[in-house]
Amino acid sequence: MTDYNREELSHIIQVLAGLLLFSGYALTLDHLYGDVNILSLFGSGLGLAIILACWIGKNHLAFIISSVSMSLVLSIFFTLGAI
């Protein structure tokens, strides 16, 4: 396996980890509390991204971007689902 393949596989795993982490978090909030607060879901995604950006830097940029985007998408989804 070349270095390029390892790097691409690492990016794919990081994106999937961000998607699955916040999907599970949103479904847990929905199951436990009956509804999802838009600020708690998006705020936790943004907070995690800020912490990771400060500690790690740009090494895991794919995870940071996917977690923030997934928390934003799920916040909009659960907000529109409650209407």
N, C-alpha and C. Protein backbone atom coordinates (compact mmCIF):
# COMPACT_ATOMS: atom_id res chain seq x y z
N MET A 1 0.84 -1.17 0.00
CA MET A 1 0.00 0.00 0.00
C MET A 1 0.90 1.24 0.00
N THR A 2 0.65 2.12 -0.91
CA THR A 2 1.49 3.31 -1.02
C THR A 2 1.07 4.35 0.02
N ASP A 3 1.91 5.35 0.18
CA ASP A 3 1.60 6.42 1.13
C ASP A 3 0.36 7.20 0.72
N TYR A 4 0.17 7.36 -0.58
CA TYR A 4 -1.01 8.06 -1.07
C TYR A 4 -2.28 7.31 -0.70
N ASN A 5 -2.27 5.99 -0.86
CA ASN A 5 -3.44 5.19 -0.51
C ASN A 5 -3.73 5.25 0.98
N ARG A 6 -2.70 5.21 1.81
CA ARG A 6 -2.89 5.31 3.25
C ARG A 6 -3.48 6.65 3.64
N GLU A 7 -3.01 7.70 3.00
CA GLU A 7 -3.53 9.04 3.30
C GLU A 7 -4.99 9.17 2.89
N GLU A 8 -5.34 8.65 1.72
CA GLU A 8 -6.73 8.70 1.27
C GLU A 8 -7.64 7.86 2.17
N LEU A 9 -7.19 6.70 2.57
CA LEU A 9 -7.96 5.85 3.47
C LEU A 9 -8.14 6.52 4.83
N SER A 10 -7.11 7.21 5.29
CA SER A 10 -7.21 7.95 6.55
C SER A 10 -8.24 9.06 6.45
N HIS A 11 -8.29 9.76 5.33
CA HIS A 11 -9.30 10.82 5.14
C HIS A 11 -10.72 10.25 5.11
N ILE A 12 -10.88 9.12 4.44
CA ILE A 12 -12.21 8.49 4.36
C ILE A 12 -12.66 8.05 5.75
N ILE A 13 -11.77 7.46 6.52
CA ILE A 13 -12.12 7.02 7.87
C ILE A 13 -12.44 8.21 8.77
N GLN A 14 -11.71 9.31 8.62
CA GLN A 14 -11.98 10.50 9.42
C GLN A 14 -13.35 11.09 9.10
N VAL A 15 -13.70 11.13 7.83
CA VAL A 15 -15.01 11.67 7.45
C VAL A 15 -16.13 10.77 7.97
N LEU A 16 -15.98 9.47 7.82
CA LEU A 16 -16.99 8.55 8.33
C LEU A 16 -17.10 8.61 9.85
N ALA A 17 -15.99 8.81 10.53
CA ALA A 17 -16.02 8.91 11.99
C ALA A 17 -16.78 10.16 12.43
N GLY A 18 -16.58 11.28 11.75
CA GLY A 18 -17.32 12.49 12.07
C GLY A 18 -18.80 12.35 11.81
N LEU A 19 -19.15 11.71 10.70
CA LEU A 19 -20.56 11.50 10.38
C LEU A 19 -21.23 10.58 11.39
N LEU A 20 -20.60 9.48 11.70
CA LEU A 20 -21.20 8.51 12.61
C LEU A 20 -21.24 9.02 14.05
N LEU A 21 -20.23 9.79 14.46
CA LEU A 21 -20.21 10.33 15.82
C LEU A 21 -21.40 11.25 16.06
N PHE A 22 -21.64 12.17 15.15
CA PHE A 22 -22.73 13.12 15.37
C PHE A 22 -24.09 12.55 15.01
N SER A 23 -24.14 11.56 14.14
CA SER A 23 -25.42 10.88 13.92
C SER A 23 -25.84 10.14 15.17
N GLY A 24 -24.92 9.44 15.79
CA GLY A 24 -25.22 8.74 17.03
C GLY A 24 -25.56 9.69 18.16
N TYR A 25 -24.85 10.80 18.24
CA TYR A 25 -25.11 11.79 19.28
C TYR A 25 -26.50 12.40 19.11
N ALA A 26 -26.87 12.72 17.88
CA ALA A 26 -28.20 13.31 17.64
C ALA A 26 -29.31 12.30 17.91
N LEU A 27 -29.12 11.07 17.51
CA LEU A 27 -30.13 10.06 17.77
C LEU A 27 -30.25 9.76 19.27
N THR A 28 -29.14 9.83 20.00
CA THR A 28 -29.18 9.65 21.44
C THR A 28 -29.93 10.79 22.11
N LEU A 29 -29.67 12.02 21.69
CA LEU A 29 -30.42 13.15 22.22
C LEU A 29 -31.90 13.04 21.92
N ASP A 30 -32.22 12.60 20.72
CA ASP A 30 -33.62 12.45 20.34
C ASP A 30 -34.30 11.35 21.15
N HIS A 31 -33.59 10.27 21.38
CA HIS A 31 -34.17 9.16 22.12
C HIS A 31 -34.34 9.48 23.61
N LEU A 32 -33.35 10.15 24.19
CA LEU A 32 -33.39 10.43 25.63
C LEU A 32 -34.35 11.56 25.99
N TYR A 33 -34.36 12.63 25.18
CA TYR A 33 -35.11 13.81 25.55
C TYR A 33 -36.35 14.06 24.71
N GLY A 34 -36.56 13.31 23.67
CA GLY A 34 -37.75 13.46 22.85
C GLY A 34 -37.60 14.48 21.74
N ASP A 35 -36.72 15.42 21.88
CA ASP A 35 -36.42 16.37 20.82
C ASP A 35 -34.96 16.78 20.93
N VAL A 36 -34.46 17.37 19.87
CA VAL A 36 -33.05 17.76 19.83
C VAL A 36 -32.98 19.27 19.83
N ASN A 37 -32.26 19.83 20.78
CA ASN A 37 -32.05 21.26 20.82
C ASN A 37 -31.00 21.63 19.77
N ILE A 38 -31.34 22.57 18.92
CA ILE A 38 -30.46 22.94 17.82
C ILE A 38 -29.14 23.51 18.32
N LEU A 39 -29.19 24.27 19.41
CA LEU A 39 -27.97 24.88 19.92
C LEU A 39 -27.05 23.86 20.58
N SER A 40 -27.63 22.89 21.26
CA SER A 40 -26.77 21.89 21.90
C SER A 40 -26.08 21.01 20.88
N LEU A 41 -26.76 20.65 19.84
CA LEU A 41 -26.17 19.78 18.83
C LEU A 41 -25.11 20.54 18.02
N PHE A 42 -25.46 21.72 17.55
CA PHE A 42 -24.48 22.47 16.75
C PHE A 42 -23.35 23.00 17.62
N GLY A 43 -23.67 23.39 18.84
CA GLY A 43 -22.64 23.89 19.75
C GLY A 43 -21.63 22.83 20.13
N SER A 44 -22.09 21.61 20.32
CA SER A 44 -21.14 20.53 20.65
C SER A 44 -20.24 20.21 19.46
N GLY A 45 -20.79 20.26 18.25
CA GLY A 45 -19.97 20.03 17.07
C GLY A 45 -18.94 21.12 16.86
N LEU A 46 -19.36 22.34 17.05
CA LEU A 46 -18.44 23.46 16.90
C LEU A 46 -17.40 23.47 18.01
N GLY A 47 -17.82 23.16 19.23
CA GLY A 47 -16.88 23.12 20.35
C GLY A 47 -15.83 22.04 20.17
N LEU A 48 -16.26 20.86 19.72
CA LEU A 48 -15.31 19.78 19.46
C LEU A 48 -14.33 20.17 18.35
N ALA A 49 -14.82 20.85 17.35
CA ALA A 49 -13.96 21.27 16.24
C ALA A 49 -12.92 22.29 16.72
N ILE A 50 -13.32 23.22 17.56
CA ILE A 50 -12.38 24.22 18.07
C ILE A 50 -11.32 23.56 18.94
N ILE A 51 -11.75 22.64 19.82
CA ILE A 51 -10.79 21.95 20.67
C ILE A 51 -9.79 21.14 19.85
N LEU A 52 -10.29 20.39 18.87
CA LEU A 52 -9.40 19.59 18.04
C LEU A 52 -8.48 20.45 17.19
N ALA A 53 -8.98 21.58 16.70
CA ALA A 53 -8.13 22.46 15.89
C ALA A 53 -7.01 23.06 16.73
N CYS A 54 -7.30 23.36 17.98
CA CYS A 54 -6.26 23.92 18.85
C CYS A 54 -5.23 22.87 19.25
N TRP A 55 -5.67 21.66 19.54
CA TRP A 55 -4.75 20.62 19.99
C TRP A 55 -3.99 19.97 18.86
N ILE A 56 -4.68 19.61 17.79
CA ILE A 56 -4.08 18.79 16.75
C ILE A 56 -3.62 19.63 15.56
N GLY A 57 -4.37 20.65 15.22
CA GLY A 57 -4.03 21.45 14.06
C GLY A 57 -4.72 20.92 12.81
N LYS A 58 -3.99 20.90 11.73
CA LYS A 58 -4.58 20.51 10.45
C LYS A 58 -4.41 19.03 10.13
N ASN A 59 -3.93 18.25 11.08
CA ASN A 59 -3.72 16.82 10.80
C ASN A 59 -5.03 16.09 10.55
N HIS A 60 -6.07 16.46 11.28
CA HIS A 60 -7.36 15.80 11.15
C HIS A 60 -8.43 16.77 10.68
N LEU A 61 -8.11 17.52 9.64
CA LEU A 61 -9.01 18.53 9.11
C LEU A 61 -10.28 17.90 8.52
N ALA A 62 -10.18 16.71 7.95
CA ALA A 62 -11.36 16.04 7.38
C ALA A 62 -12.36 15.70 8.48
N PHE A 63 -11.89 15.25 9.63
CA PHE A 63 -12.79 14.94 10.75
C PHE A 63 -13.44 16.21 11.27
N ILE A 64 -12.69 17.28 11.38
CA ILE A 64 -13.21 18.55 11.90
C ILE A 64 -14.31 19.08 10.98
N ILE A 65 -14.05 19.10 9.69
CA ILE A 65 -15.03 19.63 8.73
C ILE A 65 -16.27 18.74 8.68
N SER A 66 -16.09 17.43 8.68
CA SER A 66 -17.25 16.54 8.61
C SER A 66 -18.08 16.60 9.88
N SER A 67 -17.45 16.77 11.04
CA SER A 67 -18.23 16.83 12.27
C SER A 67 -19.03 18.13 12.36
N VAL A 68 -18.44 19.25 11.95
CA VAL A 68 -19.17 20.52 11.98
C VAL A 68 -20.30 20.50 10.95
N SER A 69 -20.02 20.01 9.76
CA SER A 69 -21.07 19.99 8.73
C SER A 69 -22.19 19.03 9.09
N MET A 70 -21.86 17.89 9.67
CA MET A 70 -22.91 16.94 10.06
C MET A 70 -23.74 17.47 11.21
N SER A 71 -23.12 18.16 12.17
CA SER A 71 -23.90 18.73 13.26
C SER A 71 -24.82 19.83 12.75
N LEU A 72 -24.38 20.61 11.76
CA LEU A 72 -25.23 21.64 11.17
C LEU A 72 -26.39 21.01 10.39
N VAL A 73 -26.11 19.99 9.60
CA VAL A 73 -27.16 19.33 8.81
C VAL A 73 -28.18 18.66 9.73
N LEU A 74 -27.71 17.98 10.76
CA LEU A 74 -28.64 17.33 11.68
C LEU A 74 -29.43 18.33 12.50
N SER A 75 -28.85 19.47 12.83
CA SER A 75 -29.60 20.51 13.54
C SER A 75 -30.74 21.03 12.68
N ILE A 76 -30.47 21.25 11.40
CA ILE A 76 -31.51 21.71 10.49
C ILE A 76 -32.56 20.61 10.29
N PHE A 77 -32.11 19.37 10.18
CA PHE A 77 -33.03 18.25 9.97
C PHE A 77 -33.99 18.08 11.15
N PHE A 78 -33.46 18.10 12.35
CA PHE A 78 -34.33 17.91 13.51
C PHE A 78 -35.20 19.14 13.79
N THR A 79 -34.72 20.32 13.41
CA THR A 79 -35.54 21.52 13.57
C THR A 79 -36.71 21.49 12.60
N LEU A 80 -36.46 21.14 11.35
CA LEU A 80 -37.55 21.08 10.36
C LEU A 80 -38.46 19.90 10.64
N GLY A 81 -37.95 18.84 11.25
CA GLY A 81 -38.79 17.70 11.60
C GLY A 81 -39.74 17.99 12.73
N ALA A 82 -39.41 18.98 13.55
CA ALA A 82 -40.27 19.33 14.68
C ALA A 82 -41.40 20.27 14.27
N ILE A 83 -41.32 20.84 13.07
CA ILE A 83 -42.35 21.80 12.64
C ILE A 83 -43.59 21.10 12.22
